[in-house]
Amino acid sequence: MSGDSDCTRTSPSAGSPSDNKFLPDRPKYVCSLSPDLVTKAREELQEKPEWRLRDVQALRDMVCKDYPSLGTCLDDAFLLRFLRARKFDYDRALQLLVNYHTCRRSWPEVFNNLKPSAIKPVLESGFVTVLPRLDPEGRHVVCIRPDRWTPSNYPITENIRAIYLTLEKLIQSEETQVNGIVILADYKGVSLSKASHFGPFVAKKVIGILQDGFPIRIKAVNIINEPRIFKGIFAIIKPFLKEKIANRFFLHGCDLNSLHQNIPPVILPEEYGGTSGKLDISAWNELLLASEEDFLHDFSQLVLPCDSSPHDMLVSGDADEKQCDDSLRGLKPQLYYCY
C-alpha cells in the first residue's frame, strides 16, 4: 500500500462507509512489548498506551497536510518508529520522517537497489554483524570491523549500505525501538590509505543519517583497537555531532577491561575477551538475506513522486552543510599528522 494514497483518509472516521470501502486497509497494529517495556516506554519515551494510536493518527494527519507528496508508508507500526525515536514529539517525529526520505533520495549510490542480496560480499567479509546475545539493557550490539574491508573489492558506499540494512532490520523490532542499540567498532589494522576513503562527503552523509535521518536510538558507540589516526578523524567529526551523541562515544584503545565496563564479557566473543565463543557472522547473515522479500515490500512503499524533488524536503540549512564541508577539508592533513 502506498503512502500517498492513504492521505485521502486522515482520521479513522473520515469519509463515508461507501468511500472507505474502496481504500486499502492498513495492517492493524498489535503491541508486542512486554509489560516491563511498556513501562519503560512510558517513562523514557513519553509513550502512553492509551494514547498511542491517537498519536500515530496525529502524525499521519501532519504528513498528509504538510507533505502530501512525501510518498511514505503511513502504517501505524511504521510511523510509531519515528514517534518513539523522538519521544512522541509530533514536530520532531515529522522532521525525522522527512529527513529519512531526504537521505534516501539524495544519495543514490547507497539507496538504489538496496537489498540484502546486493550487499552479500560485504556480509560475507564480516565487516558488519550483530552479536547473538543482547546486553543487560536488552540492546543489540552491532559489531563493525573496518579491517575486513578491502577497498579494491568494492567502494566504501557498499559498507554503508550493509550498515543501513542492518539498522533497518533491527528497527523492525519494537524492543529495539524502545531499548536502542549499542555499536562496537574494532579499528584494528585500519591504515591511513583506508581511512582516507572516509572523506568529507561520506562523513557528512553518514553523520546526517545516524543523527537526524533514521529512527533508531544509538545508546553507546564503543571504539576498540583504534590507532592514533582515529583520534584525528574523531577530532574533526566531533564538532558536527550533537553533544548527546558525542558523549556516548567511548574510546577504549587496546584495554579490554575498559570495554568490559560497557559491554559485559558474557555477551562478547573470544576476540574481545568474552566468553560466548568465536565471533560467528553466519547467523546474522542468514537472517538478513532471508529478509529479502520483506525489504522489497517495505521499500516499494517509499516512492518518490514524479512531481516532487528531494531538495524540496531538505530541512538542513545550506550554511550548515557549507560549514561542515569547509571544516572537513582539513581531514587529510590532520590524518597524516596523527599517523
C-alpha atoms as a PDB file:
ATOM      1  CA  MET A   1       0.000   0.000   0.000  1.00  0.00           C
ATOM      2  CA  SER A   2       1.497   3.312  -0.998  1.00  0.00           C
ATOM      3  CA  GLY A   3       1.634   6.147   1.462  1.00  0.00           C
ATOM      4  CA  ASP A   4       0.251   8.945  -0.684  1.00  0.00           C
ATOM      5  CA  SER A   5      -2.968   7.054  -1.379  1.00  0.00           C
ATOM      6  CA  ASP A   6      -3.596   6.990   2.379  1.00  0.00           C
ATOM      7  CA  CYS A   7      -3.628  10.770   2.590  1.00  0.00           C
ATOM      8  CA  THR A   8      -7.196  10.737   1.340  1.00  0.00           C
ATOM      9  CA  ARG A   9      -8.196   9.413   4.772  1.00  0.00           C
ATOM     10  CA  THR A  10      -6.760  11.406   7.659  1.00  0.00           C
ATOM     11  CA  SER A  11      -8.774  10.035  10.559  1.00  0.00           C
ATOM     12  CA  PRO A  12     -10.411   6.696  11.368  1.00  0.00           C
ATOM     13  CA  SER A  13     -13.868   8.180  10.903  1.00  0.00           C
ATOM     14  CA  ALA A  14     -13.166  10.332   7.859  1.00  0.00           C
ATOM     15  CA  GLY A  15     -15.301   9.706   4.813  1.00  0.00           C
ATOM     16  CA  SER A  16     -18.481   7.730   4.449  1.00  0.00           C
ATOM     17  CA  PRO A  17     -18.562   3.914   4.632  1.00  0.00           C
ATOM     18  CA  SER A  18     -19.070   3.780   0.900  1.00  0.00           C
ATOM     19  CA  ASP A  19     -15.936   5.880   0.384  1.00  0.00           C
ATOM     20  CA  ASN A  20     -13.768   3.951   2.808  1.00  0.00           C
ATOM     21  CA  LYS A  21     -14.528   0.546   1.384  1.00  0.00           C
ATOM     22  CA  PHE A  22     -12.533   1.470  -1.729  1.00  0.00           C
ATOM     23  CA  LEU A  23      -9.427   2.349   0.297  1.00  0.00           C
ATOM     24  CA  PRO A  24      -6.972  -0.379   1.244  1.00  0.00           C
ATOM     25  CA  ASP A  25      -6.944  -1.312   4.925  1.00  0.00           C
ATOM     26  CA  ARG A  26      -3.790  -0.735   6.887  1.00  0.00           C
ATOM     27  CA  PRO A  27      -2.372  -3.623   8.915  1.00  0.00           C
ATOM     28  CA  LYS A  28      -3.832  -3.407  12.401  1.00  0.00           C
ATOM     29  CA  TYR A  29      -1.205  -2.545  14.978  1.00  0.00           C
ATOM     30  CA  VAL A  30      -0.776  -5.021  17.815  1.00  0.00           C
ATOM     31  CA  CYS A  31       1.700  -4.105  20.537  1.00  0.00           C
ATOM     32  CA  SER A  32       4.359  -6.775  21.114  1.00  0.00           C
ATOM     33  CA  LEU A  33       6.081  -5.079  24.066  1.00  0.00           C
ATOM     34  CA  SER A  34       6.325  -6.857  27.394  1.00  0.00           C
ATOM     35  CA  PRO A  35       4.753  -5.151  30.423  1.00  0.00           C
ATOM     36  CA  ASP A  36       8.226  -4.069  31.562  1.00  0.00           C
ATOM     37  CA  LEU A  37       8.974  -2.465  28.201  1.00  0.00           C
ATOM     38  CA  VAL A  38       5.580  -0.774  28.139  1.00  0.00           C
ATOM     39  CA  THR A  39       6.542   0.806  31.448  1.00  0.00           C
ATOM     40  CA  LYS A  40       9.995   1.728  30.121  1.00  0.00           C
ATOM     41  CA  ALA A  41       8.474   3.307  27.011  1.00  0.00           C
ATOM     42  CA  ARG A  42       6.114   5.327  29.195  1.00  0.00           C
ATOM     43  CA  GLU A  43       8.917   6.570  31.457  1.00  0.00           C
ATOM     44  CA  GLU A  44      11.649   7.194  28.866  1.00  0.00           C
ATOM     45  CA  LEU A  45       9.757   7.910  25.642  1.00  0.00           C
ATOM     46  CA  GLN A  46       6.550   9.515  26.948  1.00  0.00           C
ATOM     47  CA  GLU A  47       4.577   6.740  25.261  1.00  0.00           C
ATOM     48  CA  LYS A  48       1.133   6.227  26.740  1.00  0.00           C
ATOM     49  CA  PRO A  49      -0.534   3.026  25.507  1.00  0.00           C
ATOM     50  CA  GLU A  50      -3.983   4.563  25.849  1.00  0.00           C
ATOM     51  CA  TRP A  51      -2.965   7.442  23.541  1.00  0.00           C
ATOM     52  CA  ARG A  52      -0.637   5.545  21.207  1.00  0.00           C
ATOM     53  CA  LEU A  53      -2.946   5.237  18.194  1.00  0.00           C
ATOM     54  CA  ARG A  54      -4.178   8.790  18.676  1.00  0.00           C
ATOM     55  CA  ASP A  55      -0.570   9.980  18.491  1.00  0.00           C
ATOM     56  CA  VAL A  56       0.078   7.908  15.378  1.00  0.00           C
ATOM     57  CA  GLN A  57      -3.012   9.375  13.735  1.00  0.00           C
ATOM     58  CA  ALA A  58      -1.867  12.894  14.632  1.00  0.00           C
ATOM     59  CA  LEU A  59       1.474  12.288  12.897  1.00  0.00           C
ATOM     60  CA  ARG A  60      -0.310  10.776   9.903  1.00  0.00           C
ATOM     61  CA  ASP A  61      -2.528  13.859   9.641  1.00  0.00           C
ATOM     62  CA  MET A  62       0.522  16.136   9.736  1.00  0.00           C
ATOM     63  CA  VAL A  63       2.198  14.185   6.931  1.00  0.00           C
ATOM     64  CA  CYS A  64      -0.896  14.367   4.767  1.00  0.00           C
ATOM     65  CA  LYS A  65      -1.359  18.071   5.403  1.00  0.00           C
ATOM     66  CA  ASP A  66       2.241  19.305   5.187  1.00  0.00           C
ATOM     67  CA  TYR A  67       3.874  16.706   2.899  1.00  0.00           C
ATOM     68  CA  PRO A  68       1.132  15.131   0.767  1.00  0.00           C
ATOM     69  CA  SER A  69       3.690  14.093  -1.877  1.00  0.00           C
ATOM     70  CA  LEU A  70       6.203  12.563   0.517  1.00  0.00           C
ATOM     71  CA  GLY A  71       5.408   9.082  -0.786  1.00  0.00           C
ATOM     72  CA  THR A  72       5.821   7.432   2.599  1.00  0.00           C
ATOM     73  CA  CYS A  73       4.277   4.431   4.262  1.00  0.00           C
ATOM     74  CA  LEU A  74       1.604   5.519   6.731  1.00  0.00           C
ATOM     75  CA  ASP A  75       1.030   2.261   8.585  1.00  0.00           C
ATOM     76  CA  ASP A  76       0.722   2.540  12.351  1.00  0.00           C
ATOM     77  CA  ALA A  77       3.782   0.399  13.055  1.00  0.00           C
ATOM     78  CA  PHE A  78       5.959   2.370  10.630  1.00  0.00           C
ATOM     79  CA  LEU A  79       5.021   5.802  11.969  1.00  0.00           C
ATOM     80  CA  LEU A  80       5.392   4.577  15.534  1.00  0.00           C
ATOM     81  CA  ARG A  81       9.145   4.116  14.943  1.00  0.00           C
ATOM     82  CA  PHE A  82       9.534   7.839  14.359  1.00  0.00           C
ATOM     83  CA  LEU A  83       7.400   8.842  17.332  1.00  0.00           C
ATOM     84  CA  ARG A  84       9.408   6.625  19.665  1.00  0.00           C
ATOM     85  CA  ALA A  85      12.713   7.891  18.286  1.00  0.00           C
ATOM     86  CA  ARG A  86      11.650  11.456  19.146  1.00  0.00           C
ATOM     87  CA  LYS A  87       9.839  10.742  22.411  1.00  0.00           C
ATOM     88  CA  PHE A  88       6.398  11.374  20.908  1.00  0.00           C
ATOM     89  CA  ASP A  89       7.134  14.964  19.998  1.00  0.00           C
ATOM     90  CA  TYR A  90       4.963  15.330  16.877  1.00  0.00           C
ATOM     91  CA  ASP A  91       7.015  18.061  15.208  1.00  0.00           C
ATOM     92  CA  ARG A  92      10.359  16.334  15.771  1.00  0.00           C
ATOM     93  CA  ALA A  93       8.950  12.993  14.636  1.00  0.00           C
ATOM     94  CA  LEU A  94       7.656  14.605  11.436  1.00  0.00           C
ATOM     95  CA  GLN A  95      11.041  16.199  10.775  1.00  0.00           C
ATOM     96  CA  LEU A  96      12.765  12.852  11.325  1.00  0.00           C
ATOM     97  CA  LEU A  97      10.404  11.181   8.855  1.00  0.00           C
ATOM     98  CA  VAL A  98      11.078  13.856   6.242  1.00  0.00           C
ATOM     99  CA  ASN A  99      14.820  13.577   6.853  1.00  0.00           C
ATOM    100  CA  TYR A 100      14.592   9.808   6.478  1.00  0.00           C
ATOM    101  CA  HIS A 101      13.214  10.206   2.971  1.00  0.00           C
ATOM    102  CA  THR A 102      15.529  13.083   2.089  1.00  0.00           C
ATOM    103  CA  CYS A 103      18.576  10.985   2.973  1.00  0.00           C
ATOM    104  CA  ARG A 104      17.350   8.079   0.884  1.00  0.00           C
ATOM    105  CA  ARG A 105      16.638  10.240  -2.155  1.00  0.00           C
ATOM    106  CA  SER A 106      19.782  12.348  -2.044  1.00  0.00           C
ATOM    107  CA  TRP A 107      22.350   9.526  -2.043  1.00  0.00           C
ATOM    108  CA  PRO A 108      21.509   7.146  -4.913  1.00  0.00           C
ATOM    109  CA  GLU A 109      24.861   5.340  -4.685  1.00  0.00           C
ATOM    110  CA  VAL A 110      23.732   3.966  -1.346  1.00  0.00           C
ATOM    111  CA  PHE A 111      19.986   3.630  -1.697  1.00  0.00           C
ATOM    112  CA  ASN A 112      19.412   2.474  -5.265  1.00  0.00           C
ATOM    113  CA  ASN A 113      18.806  -1.272  -5.496  1.00  0.00           C
ATOM    114  CA  LEU A 114      19.154  -1.546  -1.730  1.00  0.00           C
ATOM    115  CA  LYS A 115      18.512  -5.160  -0.727  1.00  0.00           C
ATOM    116  CA  PRO A 116      20.406  -7.846   1.212  1.00  0.00           C
ATOM    117  CA  SER A 117      21.469  -9.875  -1.832  1.00  0.00           C
ATOM    118  CA  ALA A 118      23.118  -6.766  -3.322  1.00  0.00           C
ATOM    119  CA  ILE A 119      25.480  -6.435  -0.349  1.00  0.00           C
ATOM    120  CA  LYS A 120      26.236 -10.130   0.109  1.00  0.00           C
ATOM    121  CA  PRO A 121      30.026  -9.679  -0.396  1.00  0.00           C
ATOM    122  CA  VAL A 122      30.087  -7.165   2.474  1.00  0.00           C
ATOM    123  CA  LEU A 123      28.179  -9.537   4.740  1.00  0.00           C
ATOM    124  CA  GLU A 124      30.474 -12.425   3.863  1.00  0.00           C
ATOM    125  CA  SER A 125      33.529 -10.305   4.652  1.00  0.00           C
ATOM    126  CA  GLY A 126      32.338  -9.832   8.231  1.00  0.00           C
ATOM    127  CA  PHE A 127      32.522  -6.037   8.005  1.00  0.00           C
ATOM    128  CA  VAL A 128      29.269  -5.713   9.933  1.00  0.00           C
ATOM    129  CA  THR A 129      27.338  -8.192  12.034  1.00  0.00           C
ATOM    130  CA  VAL A 130      25.129  -8.313  15.111  1.00  0.00           C
ATOM    131  CA  LEU A 131      26.160 -10.230  18.212  1.00  0.00           C
ATOM    132  CA  PRO A 132      23.730 -13.062  19.013  1.00  0.00           C
ATOM    133  CA  ARG A 133      23.094 -12.016  22.630  1.00  0.00           C
ATOM    134  CA  LEU A 134      21.547  -8.824  23.987  1.00  0.00           C
ATOM    135  CA  ASP A 135      23.298  -6.677  26.555  1.00  0.00           C
ATOM    136  CA  PRO A 136      21.860  -6.326  30.098  1.00  0.00           C
ATOM    137  CA  GLU A 137      19.686  -3.419  28.918  1.00  0.00           C
ATOM    138  CA  GLY A 138      18.095  -5.568  26.214  1.00  0.00           C
ATOM    139  CA  ARG A 139      20.020  -3.883  23.396  1.00  0.00           C
ATOM    140  CA  HIS A 140      21.506  -5.478  20.286  1.00  0.00           C
ATOM    141  CA  VAL A 141      25.225  -4.927  19.760  1.00  0.00           C
ATOM    142  CA  VAL A 142      26.208  -4.061  16.180  1.00  0.00           C
ATOM    143  CA  CYS A 143      29.816  -5.058  15.512  1.00  0.00           C
ATOM    144  CA  ILE A 144      31.703  -3.178  12.780  1.00  0.00           C
ATOM    145  CA  ARG A 145      35.193  -4.252  11.674  1.00  0.00           C
ATOM    146  CA  PRO A 146      36.695  -1.933   9.028  1.00  0.00           C
ATOM    147  CA  ASP A 147      39.793  -4.125   8.711  1.00  0.00           C
ATOM    148  CA  ARG A 148      37.618  -6.729   6.957  1.00  0.00           C
ATOM    149  CA  TRP A 149      37.103  -4.357   4.021  1.00  0.00           C
ATOM    150  CA  THR A 150      39.403  -4.443   1.000  1.00  0.00           C
ATOM    151  CA  PRO A 151      38.913  -1.137  -0.904  1.00  0.00           C
ATOM    152  CA  SER A 152      39.913  -2.673  -4.222  1.00  0.00           C
ATOM    153  CA  ASN A 153      36.960  -5.078  -3.999  1.00  0.00           C
ATOM    154  CA  TYR A 154      34.149  -2.503  -3.722  1.00  0.00           C
ATOM    155  CA  PRO A 155      33.668   1.151  -2.708  1.00  0.00           C
ATOM    156  CA  ILE A 156      33.013   2.340   0.827  1.00  0.00           C
ATOM    157  CA  THR A 157      29.382   3.010  -0.040  1.00  0.00           C
ATOM    158  CA  GLU A 158      28.794  -0.763  -0.085  1.00  0.00           C
ATOM    159  CA  ASN A 159      29.776  -0.885   3.579  1.00  0.00           C
ATOM    160  CA  ILE A 160      27.339   1.929   4.340  1.00  0.00           C
ATOM    161  CA  ARG A 161      24.596   0.028   2.509  1.00  0.00           C
ATOM    162  CA  ALA A 162      25.259  -3.022   4.675  1.00  0.00           C
ATOM    163  CA  ILE A 163      25.149  -0.987   7.890  1.00  0.00           C
ATOM    164  CA  TYR A 164      21.933   0.720   6.797  1.00  0.00           C
ATOM    165  CA  LEU A 165      20.180  -2.566   6.021  1.00  0.00           C
ATOM    166  CA  THR A 166      21.342  -3.934   9.361  1.00  0.00           C
ATOM    167  CA  LEU A 167      19.742  -0.971  11.130  1.00  0.00           C
ATOM    168  CA  GLU A 168      16.562  -1.326   9.056  1.00  0.00           C
ATOM    169  CA  LYS A 169      16.282  -4.952  10.111  1.00  0.00           C
ATOM    170  CA  LEU A 170      16.911  -4.204  13.777  1.00  0.00           C
ATOM    171  CA  ILE A 171      14.410  -1.343  13.949  1.00  0.00           C
ATOM    172  CA  GLN A 172      11.599  -3.641  12.852  1.00  0.00           C
ATOM    173  CA  SER A 173      11.618  -4.924  16.428  1.00  0.00           C
ATOM    174  CA  GLU A 174       9.580  -2.911  18.899  1.00  0.00           C
ATOM    175  CA  GLU A 175      12.017  -3.947  21.623  1.00  0.00           C
ATOM    176  CA  THR A 176      14.836  -2.235  19.684  1.00  0.00           C
ATOM    177  CA  GLN A 177      12.699   0.854  19.134  1.00  0.00           C
ATOM    178  CA  VAL A 178      12.416   1.222  22.902  1.00  0.00           C
ATOM    179  CA  ASN A 179      15.805  -0.063  24.089  1.00  0.00           C
ATOM    180  CA  GLY A 180      18.018   1.271  21.294  1.00  0.00           C
ATOM    181  CA  ILE A 181      21.267  -0.312  20.130  1.00  0.00           C
ATOM    182  CA  VAL A 182      24.953  -0.337  21.022  1.00  0.00           C
ATOM    183  CA  ILE A 183      27.769  -0.152  18.457  1.00  0.00           C
ATOM    184  CA  LEU A 184      31.111  -1.921  18.848  1.00  0.00           C
ATOM    185  CA  ALA A 185      33.663  -0.765  16.253  1.00  0.00           C
ATOM    186  CA  ASP A 186      37.015  -2.530  16.016  1.00  0.00           C
ATOM    187  CA  TYR A 187      39.563  -0.336  14.219  1.00  0.00           C
ATOM    188  CA  LYS A 188      42.417  -2.805  14.417  1.00  0.00           C
ATOM    189  CA  GLY A 189      44.607  -2.627  11.314  1.00  0.00           C
ATOM    190  CA  VAL A 190      42.960   0.474   9.832  1.00  0.00           C
ATOM    191  CA  SER A 191      45.623   2.230   7.763  1.00  0.00           C
ATOM    192  CA  LEU A 192      45.889   5.792   6.536  1.00  0.00           C
ATOM    193  CA  SER A 193      45.021   4.761   2.980  1.00  0.00           C
ATOM    194  CA  LYS A 194      41.856   3.005   4.154  1.00  0.00           C
ATOM    195  CA  ALA A 195      40.839   5.872   6.442  1.00  0.00           C
ATOM    196  CA  SER A 196      41.199   8.350   3.575  1.00  0.00           C
ATOM    197  CA  HIS A 197      38.149   6.786   1.897  1.00  0.00           C
ATOM    198  CA  PHE A 198      36.052   8.274   4.698  1.00  0.00           C
ATOM    199  CA  GLY A 199      36.217  11.769   3.224  1.00  0.00           C
ATOM    200  CA  PRO A 200      34.145  14.927   3.821  1.00  0.00           C
ATOM    201  CA  PHE A 201      31.200  13.923   1.632  1.00  0.00           C
ATOM    202  CA  VAL A 202      30.857  10.461   3.171  1.00  0.00           C
ATOM    203  CA  ALA A 203      31.402  11.760   6.710  1.00  0.00           C
ATOM    204  CA  LYS A 204      28.706  14.415   6.353  1.00  0.00           C
ATOM    205  CA  LYS A 205      26.211  11.978   4.871  1.00  0.00           C
ATOM    206  CA  VAL A 206      26.766   9.262   7.477  1.00  0.00           C
ATOM    207  CA  ILE A 207      26.563  11.700  10.378  1.00  0.00           C
ATOM    208  CA  GLY A 208      23.364  13.154   8.933  1.00  0.00           C
ATOM    209  CA  ILE A 209      21.720   9.752   8.623  1.00  0.00           C
ATOM    210  CA  LEU A 210      22.667   8.447  12.051  1.00  0.00           C
ATOM    211  CA  GLN A 211      21.789  11.652  13.912  1.00  0.00           C
ATOM    212  CA  ASP A 212      18.793  13.043  12.081  1.00  0.00           C
ATOM    213  CA  GLY A 213      17.733  10.656   9.325  1.00  0.00           C
ATOM    214  CA  PHE A 214      16.984   7.296  10.892  1.00  0.00           C
ATOM    215  CA  PRO A 215      14.537   6.299  13.668  1.00  0.00           C
ATOM    216  CA  ILE A 216      16.932   4.430  15.942  1.00  0.00           C
ATOM    217  CA  ARG A 217      18.336   5.246  19.373  1.00  0.00           C
ATOM    218  CA  ILE A 218      22.112   4.789  19.477  1.00  0.00           C
ATOM    219  CA  LYS A 219      22.862   4.444  23.183  1.00  0.00           C
ATOM    220  CA  ALA A 220      26.640   3.883  23.018  1.00  0.00           C
ATOM    221  CA  VAL A 221      29.471   3.692  20.482  1.00  0.00           C
ATOM    222  CA  ASN A 222      32.410   1.657  21.768  1.00  0.00           C
ATOM    223  CA  ILE A 223      35.645   2.018  19.788  1.00  0.00           C
ATOM    224  CA  ILE A 224      38.291  -0.664  20.314  1.00  0.00           C
ATOM    225  CA  ASN A 225      41.843  -1.016  18.965  1.00  0.00           C
ATOM    226  CA  GLU A 226      41.754   2.444  17.435  1.00  0.00           C
ATOM    227  CA  PRO A 227      45.106   3.644  16.038  1.00  0.00           C
ATOM    228  CA  ARG A 228      46.345   7.187  16.603  1.00  0.00           C
ATOM    229  CA  ILE A 229      44.850   8.110  13.246  1.00  0.00           C
ATOM    230  CA  PHE A 230      41.337   7.654  14.658  1.00  0.00           C
ATOM    231  CA  LYS A 231      41.832  10.454  17.155  1.00  0.00           C
ATOM    232  CA  GLY A 232      42.437  12.795  14.222  1.00  0.00           C
ATOM    233  CA  ILE A 233      39.286  11.626  12.492  1.00  0.00           C
ATOM    234  CA  PHE A 234      37.188  11.924  15.634  1.00  0.00           C
ATOM    235  CA  ALA A 235      38.529  15.386  16.460  1.00  0.00           C
ATOM    236  CA  ILE A 236      37.260  16.639  13.100  1.00  0.00           C
ATOM    237  CA  ILE A 237      33.912  14.849  13.211  1.00  0.00           C
ATOM    238  CA  LYS A 238      33.080  15.606  16.841  1.00  0.00           C
ATOM    239  CA  PRO A 239      32.040  19.266  16.297  1.00  0.00           C
ATOM    240  CA  PHE A 240      29.262  18.058  13.995  1.00  0.00           C
ATOM    241  CA  LEU A 241      27.962  15.504  16.465  1.00  0.00           C
ATOM    242  CA  LYS A 242      25.223  16.527  18.824  1.00  0.00           C
ATOM    243  CA  GLU A 243      26.528  16.723  22.369  1.00  0.00           C
ATOM    244  CA  LYS A 244      24.345  13.835  23.486  1.00  0.00           C
ATOM    245  CA  ILE A 245      25.748  11.554  20.768  1.00  0.00           C
ATOM    246  CA  ALA A 246      29.342  12.735  21.230  1.00  0.00           C
ATOM    247  CA  ASN A 247      29.133  11.886  24.925  1.00  0.00           C
ATOM    248  CA  ARG A 248      28.155   8.334  24.035  1.00  0.00           C
ATOM    249  CA  PHE A 249      31.466   7.625  22.281  1.00  0.00           C
ATOM    250  CA  PHE A 250      33.914   5.560  24.318  1.00  0.00           C
ATOM    251  CA  LEU A 251      37.475   5.078  23.071  1.00  0.00           C
ATOM    252  CA  HIS A 252      38.976   2.012  24.753  1.00  0.00           C
ATOM    253  CA  GLY A 253      42.199   1.540  22.800  1.00  0.00           C
ATOM    254  CA  CYS A 254      43.522  -1.973  23.461  1.00  0.00           C
ATOM    255  CA  ASP A 255      42.110  -2.033  27.001  1.00  0.00           C
ATOM    256  CA  LEU A 256      39.606  -4.896  27.079  1.00  0.00           C
ATOM    257  CA  ASN A 257      38.867  -4.259  30.745  1.00  0.00           C
ATOM    258  CA  SER A 258      37.668  -0.793  29.777  1.00  0.00           C
ATOM    259  CA  LEU A 259      35.453  -2.308  27.079  1.00  0.00           C
ATOM    260  CA  HIS A 260      34.021  -4.816  29.561  1.00  0.00           C
ATOM    261  CA  GLN A 261      32.809  -1.973  31.765  1.00  0.00           C
ATOM    262  CA  ASN A 262      30.419  -1.042  28.952  1.00  0.00           C
ATOM    263  CA  ILE A 263      29.752  -4.438  27.374  1.00  0.00           C
ATOM    264  CA  PRO A 264      29.913  -7.471  29.697  1.00  0.00           C
ATOM    265  CA  PRO A 265      32.223 -10.363  28.646  1.00  0.00           C
ATOM    266  CA  VAL A 266      29.343 -12.828  28.827  1.00  0.00           C
ATOM    267  CA  ILE A 267      27.870 -11.486  25.565  1.00  0.00           C
ATOM    268  CA  LEU A 268      31.191 -10.773  23.814  1.00  0.00           C
ATOM    269  CA  PRO A 269      33.059 -13.214  21.553  1.00  0.00           C
ATOM    270  CA  GLU A 270      36.522 -14.501  22.429  1.00  0.00           C
ATOM    271  CA  GLU A 271      38.105 -11.947  20.099  1.00  0.00           C
ATOM    272  CA  TYR A 272      37.156  -9.227  22.584  1.00  0.00           C
ATOM    273  CA  GLY A 273      37.895 -11.102  25.785  1.00  0.00           C
ATOM    274  CA  GLY A 274      34.397 -12.527  26.010  1.00  0.00           C
ATOM    275  CA  THR A 275      33.053 -15.927  26.951  1.00  0.00           C
ATOM    276  CA  SER A 276      30.454 -16.507  24.217  1.00  0.00           C
ATOM    277  CA  GLY A 277      32.741 -18.374  21.805  1.00  0.00           C
ATOM    278  CA  LYS A 278      34.222 -17.300  18.495  1.00  0.00           C
ATOM    279  CA  LEU A 279      32.578 -14.460  16.612  1.00  0.00           C
ATOM    280  CA  ASP A 280      30.058 -16.086  14.273  1.00  0.00           C
ATOM    281  CA  ILE A 281      28.726 -13.943  11.425  1.00  0.00           C
ATOM    282  CA  SER A 282      26.707 -16.672   9.711  1.00  0.00           C
ATOM    283  CA  ALA A 283      23.542 -16.428  11.818  1.00  0.00           C
ATOM    284  CA  TRP A 284      23.059 -12.709  11.215  1.00  0.00           C
ATOM    285  CA  ASN A 285      23.924 -13.017   7.519  1.00  0.00           C
ATOM    286  CA  GLU A 286      21.332 -15.770   7.083  1.00  0.00           C
ATOM    287  CA  LEU A 287      18.689 -13.737   8.905  1.00  0.00           C
ATOM    288  CA  LEU A 288      19.329 -10.625   6.816  1.00  0.00           C
ATOM    289  CA  LEU A 289      19.453 -12.486   3.498  1.00  0.00           C
ATOM    290  CA  ALA A 290      16.240 -14.308   4.387  1.00  0.00           C
ATOM    291  CA  SER A 291      14.537 -10.905   4.739  1.00  0.00           C
ATOM    292  CA  GLU A 292      14.935 -10.025   1.064  1.00  0.00           C
ATOM    293  CA  GLU A 293      11.224 -10.120   0.243  1.00  0.00           C
ATOM    294  CA  ASP A 294      10.329  -8.113   3.339  1.00  0.00           C
ATOM    295  CA  PHE A 295      12.744  -5.360   2.336  1.00  0.00           C
ATOM    296  CA  LEU A 296      11.491  -5.322  -1.254  1.00  0.00           C
ATOM    297  CA  HIS A 297       7.931  -4.921   0.023  1.00  0.00           C
ATOM    298  CA  ASP A 298       8.771  -2.259   2.601  1.00  0.00           C
ATOM    299  CA  PHE A 299      10.968  -0.191   0.298  1.00  0.00           C
ATOM    300  CA  SER A 300       8.428  -0.384  -2.512  1.00  0.00           C
ATOM    301  CA  GLN A 301       6.176   1.835  -0.379  1.00  0.00           C
ATOM    302  CA  LEU A 302       8.805   4.562  -0.227  1.00  0.00           C
ATOM    303  CA  VAL A 303       8.231   6.042  -3.655  1.00  0.00           C
ATOM    304  CA  LEU A 304       9.478   9.420  -4.915  1.00  0.00           C
ATOM    305  CA  PRO A 305       6.537  11.080  -6.684  1.00  0.00           C
ATOM    306  CA  CYS A 306       7.344  12.329 -10.166  1.00  0.00           C
ATOM    307  CA  ASP A 307       6.232  15.873  -9.343  1.00  0.00           C
ATOM    308  CA  SER A 308       8.450  16.388  -6.297  1.00  0.00           C
ATOM    309  CA  SER A 309      12.123  16.961  -5.761  1.00  0.00           C
ATOM    310  CA  PRO A 310      14.237  15.653  -2.900  1.00  0.00           C
ATOM    311  CA  HIS A 311      15.543  19.191  -2.385  1.00  0.00           C
ATOM    312  CA  ASP A 312      12.034  20.343  -1.545  1.00  0.00           C
ATOM    313  CA  MET A 313      12.161  18.234   1.595  1.00  0.00           C
ATOM    314  CA  LEU A 314      15.576  19.191   2.918  1.00  0.00           C
ATOM    315  CA  VAL A 315      15.424  20.560   6.442  1.00  0.00           C
ATOM    316  CA  SER A 316      19.143  21.188   6.965  1.00  0.00           C
ATOM    317  CA  GLY A 317      20.404  24.626   6.069  1.00  0.00           C
ATOM    318  CA  ASP A 318      22.867  25.160   3.246  1.00  0.00           C
ATOM    319  CA  ALA A 319      25.005  27.223   5.598  1.00  0.00           C
ATOM    320  CA  ASP A 320      25.391  24.311   7.988  1.00  0.00           C
ATOM    321  CA  GLU A 321      26.394  21.999   5.163  1.00  0.00           C
ATOM    322  CA  LYS A 322      28.915  24.521   3.863  1.00  0.00           C
ATOM    323  CA  GLN A 323      30.401  24.834   7.335  1.00  0.00           C
ATOM    324  CA  CYS A 324      30.713  21.069   7.533  1.00  0.00           C
ATOM    325  CA  ASP A 325      32.386  20.934   4.121  1.00  0.00           C
ATOM    326  CA  ASP A 326      34.850  23.678   4.989  1.00  0.00           C
ATOM    327  CA  SER A 327      35.831  22.131   8.288  1.00  0.00           C
ATOM    328  CA  LEU A 328      36.183  18.625   6.931  1.00  0.00           C
ATOM    329  CA  ARG A 329      38.518  19.789   4.189  1.00  0.00           C
ATOM    330  CA  GLY A 330      41.196  19.691   6.844  1.00  0.00           C
ATOM    331  CA  LEU A 331      40.742  15.950   7.256  1.00  0.00           C
ATOM    332  CA  LYS A 332      43.611  14.636   5.154  1.00  0.00           C
ATOM    333  CA  PRO A 333      46.392  16.892   6.527  1.00  0.00           C
ATOM    334  CA  GLN A 334      45.370  16.028  10.068  1.00  0.00           C
ATOM    335  CA  LEU A 335      45.272  12.339   9.250  1.00  0.00           C
ATOM    336  CA  TYR A 336      48.867  12.499   8.064  1.00  0.00           C
ATOM    337  CA  TYR A 337      49.827  14.392  11.215  1.00  0.00           C
ATOM    338  CA  CYS A 338      48.218  11.809  13.511  1.00  0.00           C
ATOM    339  CA  TYR A 339      49.596   8.919  11.529  1.00  0.00           C
END
